[in-house]
C-alpha atoms as a PDB file:
ATOM      1  CA  UNK A   1       4.367 -10.444 -15.230  1.00  0.00           C
ATOM      2  CA  UNK A   2       1.283 -12.728 -15.644  1.00  0.00           C
ATOM      3  CA  UNK A   3      -2.072 -10.946 -15.751  1.00  0.00           C
ATOM      4  CA  UNK A   4      -3.244 -12.303 -12.355  1.00  0.00           C
ATOM      5  CA  UNK A   5      -0.121 -10.857 -10.691  1.00  0.00           C
ATOM      6  CA  UNK A   6      -0.689  -7.553 -12.473  1.00  0.00           C
ATOM      7  CA  UNK A   7      -4.285  -7.550 -11.227  1.00  0.00           C
ATOM      8  CA  UNK A   8      -3.175  -8.304  -7.644  1.00  0.00           C
ATOM      9  CA  UNK A   9      -0.634  -5.481  -7.751  1.00  0.00           C
ATOM     10  CA  UNK A  10      -3.247  -3.138  -9.249  1.00  0.00           C
ATOM     11  CA  UNK A  11      -5.711  -4.078  -6.452  1.00  0.00           C
ATOM     12  CA  UNK A  12      -3.019  -3.556  -3.814  1.00  0.00           C
ATOM     13  CA  UNK A  13      -2.150  -0.121  -5.170  1.00  0.00           C
ATOM     14  CA  UNK A  14      -5.833   0.819  -5.373  1.00  0.00           C
ATOM     15  CA  UNK A  15      -6.281  -0.235  -1.731  1.00  0.00           C
ATOM     16  CA  UNK A  16      -3.297   1.883  -0.685  1.00  0.00           C
ATOM     17  CA  UNK A  17      -4.702   4.861  -2.602  1.00  0.00           C
ATOM     18  CA  UNK A  18      -7.995   4.515  -0.741  1.00  0.00           C
ATOM     19  CA  UNK A  19      -6.153   4.282   2.592  1.00  0.00           C
ATOM     20  CA  UNK A  20      -4.270   7.506   1.771  1.00  0.00           C
ATOM     21  CA  UNK A  21      -7.547   9.195   0.794  1.00  0.00           C
ATOM     22  CA  UNK A  22      -9.098   8.087   4.093  1.00  0.00           C
ATOM     23  CA  UNK A  23      -6.118   9.384   6.078  1.00  0.00           C
ATOM     24  CA  UNK A  24      -6.253  12.741   4.316  1.00  0.00           C
ATOM     25  CA  UNK A  25     -10.010  13.241   4.531  1.00  0.00           C
ATOM     26  CA  UNK A  26     -11.153  11.090   7.474  1.00  0.00           C
ATOM     27  CA  UNK A  27     -14.116  10.115   5.282  1.00  0.00           C
ATOM     28  CA  UNK A  28     -15.507   6.833   6.626  1.00  0.00           C
ATOM     29  CA  UNK A  29     -17.278   6.199   3.328  1.00  0.00           C
ATOM     30  CA  UNK A  30     -13.918   5.696   1.641  1.00  0.00           C
ATOM     31  CA  UNK A  31     -12.846   3.276   4.346  1.00  0.00           C
ATOM     32  CA  UNK A  32     -16.262   1.566   4.225  1.00  0.00           C
ATOM     33  CA  UNK A  33     -15.971   1.036   0.474  1.00  0.00           C
ATOM     34  CA  UNK A  34     -12.525  -0.481   0.884  1.00  0.00           C
ATOM     35  CA  UNK A  35     -13.620  -2.661   3.815  1.00  0.00           C
ATOM     36  CA  UNK A  36     -16.700  -3.880   1.947  1.00  0.00           C
ATOM     37  CA  UNK A  37     -14.413  -5.452  -0.633  1.00  0.00           C
ATOM     38  CA  UNK A  38     -12.845  -7.696   2.055  1.00  0.00           C
ATOM     39  CA  UNK A  39     -15.664  -8.045   4.569  1.00  0.00           C
ATOM     40  CA  UNK A  40     -16.420 -11.610   3.493  1.00  0.00           C
ATOM     41  CA  UNK A  41     -12.828 -12.571   4.360  1.00  0.00           C
ATOM     42  CA  UNK A  42     -13.155 -11.087   7.864  1.00  0.00           C
ATOM     43  CA  UNK A  43     -16.425 -12.976   8.287  1.00  0.00           C
ATOM     44  CA  UNK A  44     -14.612 -16.174   7.239  1.00  0.00           C
ATOM     45  CA  UNK A  45     -11.902 -15.590   9.845  1.00  0.00           C
ATOM     46  CA  UNK A  46     -14.609 -15.090  12.474  1.00  0.00           C
ATOM     47  CA  UNK A  47     -16.317 -18.335  11.441  1.00  0.00           C
ATOM     48  CA  UNK A  48     -13.004 -20.178  11.555  1.00  0.00           C
ATOM     49  CA  UNK A  49     -12.372 -19.155  15.168  1.00  0.00           C
ATOM     50  CA  UNK A  50     -15.904 -19.145  16.610  1.00  0.00           C
ATOM     51  CA  UNK A  51     -17.853 -21.619  14.439  1.00  0.00           C
ATOM     52  CA  UNK A  52     -20.827 -19.330  15.020  1.00  0.00           C
ATOM     53  CA  UNK A  53     -22.407 -16.966  12.486  1.00  0.00           C
ATOM     54  CA  UNK A  54     -23.539 -14.383  15.058  1.00  0.00           C
ATOM     55  CA  UNK A  55     -20.100 -14.132  16.619  1.00  0.00           C
ATOM     56  CA  UNK A  56     -18.509 -13.954  13.161  1.00  0.00           C
ATOM     57  CA  UNK A  57     -20.840 -11.063  12.284  1.00  0.00           C
ATOM     58  CA  UNK A  58     -19.898  -9.372  15.547  1.00  0.00           C
ATOM     59  CA  UNK A  59     -16.218  -9.705  14.605  1.00  0.00           C
ATOM     60  CA  UNK A  60     -16.949  -8.030  11.245  1.00  0.00           C
ATOM     61  CA  UNK A  61     -18.369  -5.013  13.097  1.00  0.00           C
ATOM     62  CA  UNK A  62     -15.603  -4.928  15.714  1.00  0.00           C
ATOM     63  CA  UNK A  63     -12.884  -5.061  13.062  1.00  0.00           C
ATOM     64  CA  UNK A  64     -14.441  -2.143  11.163  1.00  0.00           C
ATOM     65  CA  UNK A  65     -14.546  -0.116  14.388  1.00  0.00           C
ATOM     66  CA  UNK A  66     -10.887  -0.945  14.940  1.00  0.00           C
ATOM     67  CA  UNK A  67     -10.088   0.011  11.337  1.00  0.00           C
ATOM     68  CA  UNK A  68     -11.504   3.490  11.770  1.00  0.00           C
ATOM     69  CA  UNK A  69      -8.755   4.121  14.337  1.00  0.00           C
ATOM     70  CA  UNK A  70      -5.875   1.893  13.246  1.00  0.00           C
ATOM     71  CA  UNK A  71      -5.941   2.547   9.483  1.00  0.00           C
ATOM     72  CA  UNK A  72      -5.124   6.177  10.143  1.00  0.00           C
ATOM     73  CA  UNK A  73      -2.182   5.356  12.419  1.00  0.00           C
ATOM     74  CA  UNK A  74      -0.364   2.359  11.011  1.00  0.00           C
ATOM     75  CA  UNK A  75       1.816   2.081   7.939  1.00  0.00           C
ATOM     76  CA  UNK A  76       0.000  -0.350   5.643  1.00  0.00           C
ATOM     77  CA  UNK A  77       1.726  -1.804   2.594  1.00  0.00           C
ATOM     78  CA  UNK A  78      -0.750  -4.588   1.813  1.00  0.00           C
ATOM     79  CA  UNK A  79      -4.275  -3.887   3.107  1.00  0.00           C
ATOM     80  CA  UNK A  80      -5.614  -7.389   2.572  1.00  0.00           C
ATOM     81  CA  UNK A  81      -2.806  -9.050   4.561  1.00  0.00           C
ATOM     82  CA  UNK A  82      -2.911  -6.368   7.224  1.00  0.00           C
ATOM     83  CA  UNK A  83      -6.699  -6.768   7.560  1.00  0.00           C
ATOM     84  CA  UNK A  84      -6.342 -10.531   7.994  1.00  0.00           C
ATOM     85  CA  UNK A  85      -3.935 -10.004  10.903  1.00  0.00           C
ATOM     86  CA  UNK A  86      -6.264  -7.438  12.503  1.00  0.00           C
ATOM     87  CA  UNK A  87      -9.243  -9.824  12.168  1.00  0.00           C
ATOM     88  CA  UNK A  88      -7.269 -12.779  13.541  1.00  0.00           C
ATOM     89  CA  UNK A  89      -6.042 -10.731  16.519  1.00  0.00           C
ATOM     90  CA  UNK A  90      -9.570  -9.513  17.238  1.00  0.00           C
ATOM     91  CA  UNK A  91     -10.826 -13.114  17.267  1.00  0.00           C
ATOM     92  CA  UNK A  92      -8.028 -14.205  19.587  1.00  0.00           C
ATOM     93  CA  UNK A  93      -8.717 -11.292  21.908  1.00  0.00           C
ATOM     94  CA  UNK A  94     -12.426 -12.171  22.062  1.00  0.00           C
ATOM     95  CA  UNK A  95     -11.612 -15.839  22.708  1.00  0.00           C
ATOM     96  CA  UNK A  96      -9.306 -14.812  25.577  1.00  0.00           C
ATOM     97  CA  UNK A  97     -12.136 -12.727  27.049  1.00  0.00           C
ATOM     98  CA  UNK A  98     -14.541 -15.666  26.833  1.00  0.00           C
ATOM     99  CA  UNK A  99     -11.973 -17.984  28.425  1.00  0.00           C
ATOM    100  CA  UNK A 100     -11.380 -15.465  31.210  1.00  0.00           C
ATOM    101  CA  UNK A 101     -15.136 -15.359  31.902  1.00  0.00           C
ATOM    102  CA  UNK A 102     -15.247 -19.172  32.019  1.00  0.00           C
ATOM    103  CA  UNK A 103     -12.271 -19.204  34.393  1.00  0.00           C
ATOM    104  CA  UNK A 104     -13.909 -16.583  36.638  1.00  0.00           C
ATOM    105  CA  UNK A 105     -17.057 -18.714  36.748  1.00  0.00           C
ATOM    106  CA  UNK A 106     -15.042 -21.821  37.698  1.00  0.00           C
ATOM    107  CA  UNK A 107     -13.246 -19.841  40.429  1.00  0.00           C
ATOM    108  CA  UNK A 108     -16.578 -18.520  41.668  1.00  0.00           C
ATOM    109  CA  UNK A 109     -17.968 -22.057  41.807  1.00  0.00           C
ATOM    110  CA  UNK A 110     -14.872 -23.284  43.674  1.00  0.00           C
ATOM    111  CA  UNK A 111     -15.159 -20.362  46.109  1.00  0.00           C
ATOM    112  CA  UNK A 112     -18.822 -21.102  46.715  1.00  0.00           C
ATOM    113  CA  UNK A 113     -17.980 -24.746  47.380  1.00  0.00           C
ATOM    114  CA  UNK A 114     -15.174 -23.728  49.742  1.00  0.00           C
ATOM    115  CA  UNK A 115     -17.512 -21.363  51.603  1.00  0.00           C
ATOM    116  CA  UNK A 116     -20.146 -24.073  51.893  1.00  0.00           C
ATOM    117  CA  UNK A 117     -17.604 -26.616  53.160  1.00  0.00           C
ATOM    118  CA  UNK A 118     -15.939 -24.358  55.721  1.00  0.00           C
ATOM    119  CA  UNK A 119     -18.915 -23.232  57.787  1.00  0.00           C
ATOM    120  CA  UNK A 120     -18.788 -22.914  61.547  1.00  0.00           C
ATOM    121  CA  UNK A 121     -21.756 -25.192  62.130  1.00  0.00           C
ATOM    122  CA  UNK A 122     -20.971 -28.739  63.184  1.00  0.00           C
ATOM    123  CA  UNK A 123     -23.319 -30.445  60.775  1.00  0.00           C
ATOM    124  CA  UNK A 124     -22.562 -29.764  57.077  1.00  0.00           C
ATOM    125  CA  UNK A 125     -26.161 -30.447  56.005  1.00  0.00           C
ATOM    126  CA  UNK A 126     -27.478 -27.742  58.299  1.00  0.00           C
ATOM    127  CA  UNK A 127     -24.921 -25.264  56.971  1.00  0.00           C
ATOM    128  CA  UNK A 128     -25.510 -26.028  53.289  1.00  0.00           C
ATOM    129  CA  UNK A 129     -29.282 -25.879  53.799  1.00  0.00           C
ATOM    130  CA  UNK A 130     -28.940 -22.493  55.499  1.00  0.00           C
ATOM    131  CA  UNK A 131     -26.668 -21.255  52.688  1.00  0.00           C
ATOM    132  CA  UNK A 132     -29.060 -22.610  50.055  1.00  0.00           C
ATOM    133  CA  UNK A 133     -31.976 -20.843  51.755  1.00  0.00           C
ATOM    134  CA  UNK A 134     -29.936 -17.642  52.000  1.00  0.00           C
ATOM    135  CA  UNK A 135     -28.950 -17.914  48.336  1.00  0.00           C
ATOM    136  CA  UNK A 136     -32.578 -18.412  47.259  1.00  0.00           C
ATOM    137  CA  UNK A 137     -33.589 -15.427  49.408  1.00  0.00           C
ATOM    138  CA  UNK A 138     -30.836 -13.284  47.865  1.00  0.00           C
ATOM    139  CA  UNK A 139     -31.798 -14.341  44.335  1.00  0.00           C
ATOM    140  CA  UNK A 140     -35.358 -13.103  44.930  1.00  0.00           C
ATOM    141  CA  UNK A 141     -33.921  -9.673  45.852  1.00  0.00           C
ATOM    142  CA  UNK A 142     -32.154  -9.248  42.483  1.00  0.00           C
ATOM    143  CA  UNK A 143     -33.700  -7.079  39.795  1.00  0.00           C
ATOM    144  CA  UNK A 144     -35.655  -9.108  37.220  1.00  0.00           C
ATOM    145  CA  UNK A 145     -33.029  -9.038  34.455  1.00  0.00           C
ATOM    146  CA  UNK A 146     -30.254 -10.204  36.822  1.00  0.00           C
ATOM    147  CA  UNK A 147     -32.508 -12.824  38.394  1.00  0.00           C
ATOM    148  CA  UNK A 148     -33.531 -14.235  35.009  1.00  0.00           C
ATOM    149  CA  UNK A 149     -29.977 -14.161  33.644  1.00  0.00           C
ATOM    150  CA  UNK A 150     -28.543 -15.919  36.735  1.00  0.00           C
ATOM    151  CA  UNK A 151     -31.301 -18.531  36.691  1.00  0.00           C
ATOM    152  CA  UNK A 152     -30.910 -19.294  32.968  1.00  0.00           C
ATOM    153  CA  UNK A 153     -27.083 -19.332  33.026  1.00  0.00           C
ATOM    154  CA  UNK A 154     -26.341 -21.219  36.254  1.00  0.00           C
ATOM    155  CA  UNK A 155     -29.413 -23.339  36.873  1.00  0.00           C
ATOM    156  CA  UNK A 156     -30.703 -23.992  33.357  1.00  0.00           C
ATOM    157  CA  UNK A 157     -27.202 -24.051  31.757  1.00  0.00           C
ATOM    158  CA  UNK A 158     -28.110 -21.691  28.884  1.00  0.00           C
ATOM    159  CA  UNK A 159     -25.426 -19.890  26.863  1.00  0.00           C
ATOM    160  CA  UNK A 160     -25.136 -16.099  26.645  1.00  0.00           C
ATOM    161  CA  UNK A 161     -26.582 -16.271  23.146  1.00  0.00           C
ATOM    162  CA  UNK A 162     -29.571 -18.377  24.246  1.00  0.00           C
ATOM    163  CA  UNK A 163     -30.248 -16.043  27.173  1.00  0.00           C
ATOM    164  CA  UNK A 164     -29.984 -13.042  24.860  1.00  0.00           C
ATOM    165  CA  UNK A 165     -32.668 -14.535  22.611  1.00  0.00           C
ATOM    166  CA  UNK A 166     -34.924 -15.605  25.486  1.00  0.00           C
ATOM    167  CA  UNK A 167     -34.762 -12.255  27.303  1.00  0.00           C
ATOM    168  CA  UNK A 168     -34.615 -10.182  24.080  1.00  0.00           C
ATOM    169  CA  UNK A 169     -31.503  -8.270  25.190  1.00  0.00           C
ATOM    170  CA  UNK A 170     -27.983  -7.943  23.758  1.00  0.00           C
ATOM    171  CA  UNK A 171     -25.346 -10.531  24.723  1.00  0.00           C
ATOM    172  CA  UNK A 172     -23.234  -7.785  26.313  1.00  0.00           C
ATOM    173  CA  UNK A 173     -26.212  -6.911  28.525  1.00  0.00           C
ATOM    174  CA  UNK A 174     -26.583 -10.601  29.489  1.00  0.00           C
ATOM    175  CA  UNK A 175     -22.917 -10.763  30.538  1.00  0.00           C
ATOM    176  CA  UNK A 176     -23.281  -7.540  32.487  1.00  0.00           C
ATOM    177  CA  UNK A 177     -26.465  -8.753  34.216  1.00  0.00           C
ATOM    178  CA  UNK A 178     -24.790 -12.014  35.244  1.00  0.00           C
ATOM    179  CA  UNK A 179     -21.697 -10.231  36.525  1.00  0.00           C
ATOM    180  CA  UNK A 180     -23.710  -7.626  38.454  1.00  0.00           C
ATOM    181  CA  UNK A 181     -26.054 -10.320  39.736  1.00  0.00           C
ATOM    182  CA  UNK A 182     -23.119 -12.383  41.045  1.00  0.00           C
ATOM    183  CA  UNK A 183     -21.677  -9.316  42.776  1.00  0.00           C
ATOM    184  CA  UNK A 184     -25.060  -8.501  44.350  1.00  0.00           C
ATOM    185  CA  UNK A 185     -25.506 -12.124  45.467  1.00  0.00           C
ATOM    186  CA  UNK A 186     -22.079 -12.115  47.098  1.00  0.00           C
ATOM    187  CA  UNK A 187     -22.862  -8.890  48.953  1.00  0.00           C
ATOM    188  CA  UNK A 188     -26.249 -10.229  50.025  1.00  0.00           C
ATOM    189  CA  UNK A 189     -24.804 -13.566  51.208  1.00  0.00           C
ATOM    190  CA  UNK A 190     -22.022 -11.854  53.129  1.00  0.00           C
ATOM    191  CA  UNK A 191     -24.497  -9.553  54.879  1.00  0.00           C
ATOM    192  CA  UNK A 192     -26.854 -12.450  55.743  1.00  0.00           C
ATOM    193  CA  UNK A 193     -23.943 -14.511  57.170  1.00  0.00           C
ATOM    194  CA  UNK A 194     -22.299 -11.610  58.862  1.00  0.00           C
END
């Protein structure tokens, strides 16, 4: 067996020993030491899928969190290969979530357009002006974080990441503020039309 193959097999066996030690003790330091050896590969997978350093770093953290649960449950014969699959699946799951959010936004826009085009007033300009006024009024009633997030995302076309930087809050909080703001706007518009 050539020396590089011997080294690979030695590394694989060492990884499996560390996994067994983690399973027996539950010591996250053991798992952390093992993960540290391959963290750069997980980061590379994140970069490949997202083309964004922040999102790739987020994937590195999410995969470690997943490891703390999954490494104790699953039968692992080659940690490096198994870790690659976990990282890839995490990226795909995050991409699906982002696509779902984009689709919800498109549906929301289509619904808003449908609502604006199906008013009971005879003149469409009057109806859209009334809806626009009602929307502006409802936006002013939102809490500051929701108001700012909605304004930056929908009217100034900023990304979650840009909004996060501008408002100095986490991206998850931006997404939550936008979602809650949309729900509050819908409730407000329905009550003003109702």
